[in-house]
Amino acid sequence: MEVDLIPAQRAGTLYGLLQERASRTPDAPAYRQFDKASDRWIDLSWRDTLARVDRIAGALAAAGLRHGDRVAIFLQNCIDWVCFDMAAHKLGLPVVPLYTNDAVSNTAYLLADARPRLILVDTAARWAAIAAAMKDPEIVEEVWVHDPAAT
C-alpha cells in the first residue's frame, strides 16, 4: 500500500493540509458518521469536507468575526464539530471547546472567562440553560444552534 504523505512545509497550516488532501484525493472518504434518522453510516469526501469548511468560514466572516475573535463549540463529536473548528482556524479564530457532559455552571464559567463572540451549540434548550447560569450572557454576541439538516 502506497502512503501519500503531505509534508508540513507544503501544507503550511491545518487548512492548507485540508486543501492539499482535497486536491489529491477529492472523492475519497474523509469522515464517516452514523445518521440516526436514516439508520446508516454516511461518508463525507475530502471535496465535500473542504466545501463545508469554506461555507462555515464564509458564514463566520459574514457574521463579522475577525482574526483573533474567539468562538466556542458546544457539540457532541460529529463532522460539523470538525468542520466548524477547521473553519475557525482558517480565519484565525481561537476555538473554545466545551464539553457537553460538563455541569452547566462550569460551562457558564468558561464562557465568562473566555468571552467568545459566537457559540455553536447543539440545542436552543441547552443555550437557555447556560445563559440562565451566566451573570452576563450578552458577552456572547451570537448563538448558532446546530441543525444537521441544514448542512
C-alpha atoms as a PDB file:
ATOM      1  CA  MET A   1       0.000   0.000   0.000  1.00  0.00           C
ATOM      2  CA  GLU A   2       1.409   3.364  -1.022  1.00  0.00           C
ATOM      3  CA  VAL A   3       1.212   6.155   1.524  1.00  0.00           C
ATOM      4  CA  ASP A   4       0.511   9.650   0.185  1.00  0.00           C
ATOM      5  CA  LEU A   5       2.039  11.905   2.826  1.00  0.00           C
ATOM      6  CA  ILE A   6       1.755  15.675   2.649  1.00  0.00           C
ATOM      7  CA  PRO A   7       4.831  17.407   4.066  1.00  0.00           C
ATOM      8  CA  ALA A   8       4.231  20.120   6.668  1.00  0.00           C
ATOM      9  CA  GLN A   9       6.173  22.590   4.525  1.00  0.00           C
ATOM     10  CA  ARG A  10       3.730  22.046   1.654  1.00  0.00           C
ATOM     11  CA  ALA A  11       0.596  22.246   3.819  1.00  0.00           C
ATOM     12  CA  GLY A  12       1.723  25.232   5.872  1.00  0.00           C
ATOM     13  CA  THR A  13      -1.415  25.183   8.061  1.00  0.00           C
ATOM     14  CA  LEU A  14      -4.109  22.689   9.012  1.00  0.00           C
ATOM     15  CA  TYR A  15      -6.399  24.367   6.492  1.00  0.00           C
ATOM     16  CA  GLY A  16      -3.620  24.071   3.894  1.00  0.00           C
ATOM     17  CA  LEU A  17      -3.392  20.374   4.716  1.00  0.00           C
ATOM     18  CA  LEU A  18      -7.139  20.010   4.126  1.00  0.00           C
ATOM     19  CA  GLN A  19      -6.850  21.826   0.778  1.00  0.00           C
ATOM     20  CA  GLU A  20      -3.948  19.647  -0.335  1.00  0.00           C
ATOM     21  CA  ARG A  21      -5.699  16.414   0.707  1.00  0.00           C
ATOM     22  CA  ALA A  22      -8.880  17.518  -1.108  1.00  0.00           C
ATOM     23  CA  SER A  23      -6.895  18.224  -4.273  1.00  0.00           C
ATOM     24  CA  ARG A  24      -5.087  14.862  -4.156  1.00  0.00           C
ATOM     25  CA  THR A  25      -7.995  12.579  -3.237  1.00  0.00           C
ATOM     26  CA  PRO A  26     -11.191  14.622  -3.626  1.00  0.00           C
ATOM     27  CA  ASP A  27     -13.621  11.712  -3.685  1.00  0.00           C
ATOM     28  CA  ALA A  28     -12.008   9.562  -1.000  1.00  0.00           C
ATOM     29  CA  PRO A  29     -13.862   9.339   2.313  1.00  0.00           C
ATOM     30  CA  ALA A  30     -12.595  11.899   4.814  1.00  0.00           C
ATOM     31  CA  TYR A  31     -15.066  11.279   7.632  1.00  0.00           C
ATOM     32  CA  ARG A  32     -17.772   8.793   8.487  1.00  0.00           C
ATOM     33  CA  GLN A  33     -20.680   9.435  10.828  1.00  0.00           C
ATOM     34  CA  PHE A  34     -23.712   7.423  11.844  1.00  0.00           C
ATOM     35  CA  ASP A  35     -27.002   9.086  10.915  1.00  0.00           C
ATOM     36  CA  LYS A  36     -29.725   8.046  13.364  1.00  0.00           C
ATOM     37  CA  ALA A  37     -32.528   9.382  11.151  1.00  0.00           C
ATOM     38  CA  SER A  38     -31.644   7.073   8.254  1.00  0.00           C
ATOM     39  CA  ASP A  39     -30.094   4.360  10.450  1.00  0.00           C
ATOM     40  CA  ARG A  40     -26.957   4.220   8.310  1.00  0.00           C
ATOM     41  CA  TRP A  41     -23.376   5.407   8.091  1.00  0.00           C
ATOM     42  CA  ILE A  42     -22.714   8.482   5.964  1.00  0.00           C
ATOM     43  CA  ASP A  43     -19.363   9.278   4.372  1.00  0.00           C
ATOM     44  CA  LEU A  44     -18.130  12.777   3.651  1.00  0.00           C
ATOM     45  CA  SER A  45     -15.484  13.097   0.941  1.00  0.00           C
ATOM     46  CA  TRP A  46     -12.465  15.384   1.167  1.00  0.00           C
ATOM     47  CA  ARG A  47     -14.024  17.628  -1.509  1.00  0.00           C
ATOM     48  CA  ASP A  48     -17.288  17.875   0.442  1.00  0.00           C
ATOM     49  CA  THR A  49     -15.419  18.445   3.712  1.00  0.00           C
ATOM     50  CA  LEU A  50     -13.482  21.344   2.181  1.00  0.00           C
ATOM     51  CA  ALA A  51     -16.698  22.811   0.746  1.00  0.00           C
ATOM     52  CA  ARG A  52     -18.439  22.549   4.130  1.00  0.00           C
ATOM     53  CA  VAL A  53     -15.486  24.171   5.917  1.00  0.00           C
ATOM     54  CA  ASP A  54     -15.456  27.006   3.382  1.00  0.00           C
ATOM     55  CA  ARG A  55     -19.231  27.568   3.775  1.00  0.00           C
ATOM     56  CA  ILE A  56     -18.890  27.779   7.538  1.00  0.00           C
ATOM     57  CA  ALA A  57     -15.877  30.103   7.237  1.00  0.00           C
ATOM     58  CA  GLY A  58     -17.935  32.320   4.927  1.00  0.00           C
ATOM     59  CA  ALA A  59     -20.758  32.423   7.464  1.00  0.00           C
ATOM     60  CA  LEU A  60     -18.321  33.274  10.273  1.00  0.00           C
ATOM     61  CA  ALA A  61     -16.828  36.095   8.200  1.00  0.00           C
ATOM     62  CA  ALA A  62     -20.316  37.339   7.269  1.00  0.00           C
ATOM     63  CA  ALA A  63     -21.122  37.442  10.999  1.00  0.00           C
ATOM     64  CA  GLY A  64     -18.352  39.996  11.339  1.00  0.00           C
ATOM     65  CA  LEU A  65     -15.825  37.779  13.086  1.00  0.00           C
ATOM     66  CA  ARG A  66     -12.225  38.837  12.556  1.00  0.00           C
ATOM     67  CA  HIS A  67      -8.815  37.291  13.177  1.00  0.00           C
ATOM     68  CA  GLY A  68      -8.342  36.856  16.941  1.00  0.00           C
ATOM     69  CA  ASP A  69     -12.040  36.791  17.877  1.00  0.00           C
ATOM     70  CA  ARG A  70     -12.864  33.715  19.949  1.00  0.00           C
ATOM     71  CA  VAL A  71     -15.603  31.235  19.087  1.00  0.00           C
ATOM     72  CA  ALA A  72     -16.929  28.328  21.159  1.00  0.00           C
ATOM     73  CA  ILE A  73     -18.080  24.871  20.086  1.00  0.00           C
ATOM     74  CA  PHE A  74     -20.610  23.016  22.226  1.00  0.00           C
ATOM     75  CA  LEU A  75     -21.454  19.872  20.270  1.00  0.00           C
ATOM     76  CA  GLN A  76     -21.111  16.148  20.625  1.00  0.00           C
ATOM     77  CA  ASN A  77     -18.362  14.681  18.446  1.00  0.00           C
ATOM     78  CA  CYS A  78     -19.535  14.976  14.846  1.00  0.00           C
ATOM     79  CA  ILE A  79     -18.413  16.016  11.387  1.00  0.00           C
ATOM     80  CA  ASP A  80     -19.786  19.520  11.940  1.00  0.00           C
ATOM     81  CA  TRP A  81     -17.590  19.895  15.045  1.00  0.00           C
ATOM     82  CA  VAL A  82     -14.526  19.199  12.902  1.00  0.00           C
ATOM     83  CA  CYS A  83     -15.696  21.483  10.071  1.00  0.00           C
ATOM     84  CA  PHE A  84     -16.555  24.390  12.387  1.00  0.00           C
ATOM     85  CA  ASP A  85     -13.183  24.025  14.115  1.00  0.00           C
ATOM     86  CA  MET A  86     -11.316  23.996  10.799  1.00  0.00           C
ATOM     87  CA  ALA A  87     -13.310  26.999   9.506  1.00  0.00           C
ATOM     88  CA  ALA A  88     -12.442  28.948  12.634  1.00  0.00           C
ATOM     89  CA  HIS A  89      -8.764  28.112  12.223  1.00  0.00           C
ATOM     90  CA  LYS A  90      -8.898  29.170   8.573  1.00  0.00           C
ATOM     91  CA  LEU A  91      -9.952  32.647   9.741  1.00  0.00           C
ATOM     92  CA  GLY A  92      -7.594  32.808  12.730  1.00  0.00           C
ATOM     93  CA  LEU A  93     -10.379  32.485  15.289  1.00  0.00           C
ATOM     94  CA  PRO A  94      -9.250  30.769  18.504  1.00  0.00           C
ATOM     95  CA  VAL A  95     -11.649  27.970  19.442  1.00  0.00           C
ATOM     96  CA  VAL A  96     -13.034  27.381  22.938  1.00  0.00           C
ATOM     97  CA  PRO A  97     -14.075  23.717  23.074  1.00  0.00           C
ATOM     98  CA  LEU A  98     -16.863  22.991  25.548  1.00  0.00           C
ATOM     99  CA  TYR A  99     -17.882  19.595  26.870  1.00  0.00           C
ATOM    100  CA  THR A 100     -21.489  18.512  26.555  1.00  0.00           C
ATOM    101  CA  ASN A 101     -21.300  16.357  29.678  1.00  0.00           C
ATOM    102  CA  ASP A 102     -19.915  19.170  31.866  1.00  0.00           C
ATOM    103  CA  ALA A 103     -22.009  20.939  34.501  1.00  0.00           C
ATOM    104  CA  VAL A 104     -23.925  23.977  33.249  1.00  0.00           C
ATOM    105  CA  SER A 105     -22.207  26.126  35.892  1.00  0.00           C
ATOM    106  CA  ASN A 106     -18.772  25.083  34.593  1.00  0.00           C
ATOM    107  CA  THR A 107     -19.750  25.917  31.021  1.00  0.00           C
ATOM    108  CA  ALA A 108     -21.092  29.303  32.125  1.00  0.00           C
ATOM    109  CA  TYR A 109     -17.828  29.995  33.948  1.00  0.00           C
ATOM    110  CA  LEU A 110     -15.720  29.012  30.929  1.00  0.00           C
ATOM    111  CA  LEU A 111     -17.746  31.245  28.624  1.00  0.00           C
ATOM    112  CA  ALA A 112     -17.486  34.194  31.016  1.00  0.00           C
ATOM    113  CA  ASP A 113     -13.737  33.702  31.225  1.00  0.00           C
ATOM    114  CA  ALA A 114     -13.058  33.076  27.515  1.00  0.00           C
ATOM    115  CA  ARG A 115     -15.588  35.643  26.241  1.00  0.00           C
ATOM    116  CA  PRO A 116     -16.200  34.148  22.792  1.00  0.00           C
ATOM    117  CA  ARG A 117     -18.126  36.357  20.391  1.00  0.00           C
ATOM    118  CA  LEU A 118     -20.020  33.366  18.984  1.00  0.00           C
ATOM    119  CA  ILE A 119     -21.006  29.911  20.194  1.00  0.00           C
ATOM    120  CA  LEU A 120     -22.176  26.945  18.159  1.00  0.00           C
ATOM    121  CA  VAL A 121     -24.436  24.963  20.485  1.00  0.00           C
ATOM    122  CA  ASP A 122     -26.302  21.697  19.981  1.00  0.00           C
ATOM    123  CA  THR A 123     -29.784  22.864  21.065  1.00  0.00           C
ATOM    124  CA  ALA A 124     -31.627  26.050  21.943  1.00  0.00           C
ATOM    125  CA  ALA A 125     -32.645  24.478  25.257  1.00  0.00           C
ATOM    126  CA  ARG A 126     -29.014  23.872  26.144  1.00  0.00           C
ATOM    127  CA  TRP A 127     -28.153  27.519  25.391  1.00  0.00           C
ATOM    128  CA  ALA A 128     -31.101  28.703  27.511  1.00  0.00           C
ATOM    129  CA  ALA A 129     -29.791  26.714  30.488  1.00  0.00           C
ATOM    130  CA  ILE A 130     -26.259  28.049  30.055  1.00  0.00           C
ATOM    131  CA  ALA A 131     -27.429  31.652  29.554  1.00  0.00           C
ATOM    132  CA  ALA A 132     -29.536  31.407  32.719  1.00  0.00           C
ATOM    133  CA  ALA A 133     -26.423  30.367  34.663  1.00  0.00           C
ATOM    134  CA  MET A 134     -24.304  33.243  33.322  1.00  0.00           C
ATOM    135  CA  LYS A 135     -24.119  36.627  35.028  1.00  0.00           C
ATOM    136  CA  ASP A 136     -23.865  38.351  31.648  1.00  0.00           C
ATOM    137  CA  PRO A 137     -24.910  36.069  28.773  1.00  0.00           C
ATOM    138  CA  GLU A 138     -24.712  39.006  26.369  1.00  0.00           C
ATOM    139  CA  ILE A 139     -20.924  38.675  26.262  1.00  0.00           C
ATOM    140  CA  VAL A 140     -21.706  36.013  23.646  1.00  0.00           C
ATOM    141  CA  GLU A 141     -22.895  38.166  20.763  1.00  0.00           C
ATOM    142  CA  GLU A 142     -24.193  35.363  18.553  1.00  0.00           C
ATOM    143  CA  VAL A 143     -25.550  31.897  19.237  1.00  0.00           C
ATOM    144  CA  TRP A 144     -25.792  29.418  16.401  1.00  0.00           C
ATOM    145  CA  VAL A 145     -27.934  26.368  17.079  1.00  0.00           C
ATOM    146  CA  HIS A 146     -26.658  23.281  15.285  1.00  0.00           C
ATOM    147  CA  ASP A 147     -29.052  21.998  12.657  1.00  0.00           C
ATOM    148  CA  PRO A 148     -27.612  18.926  10.918  1.00  0.00           C
ATOM    149  CA  ALA A 149     -30.374  19.078   8.309  1.00  0.00           C
ATOM    150  CA  ALA A 150     -29.101  22.467   7.111  1.00  0.00           C
ATOM    151  CA  THR A 151     -25.618  21.227   6.140  1.00  0.00           C
END
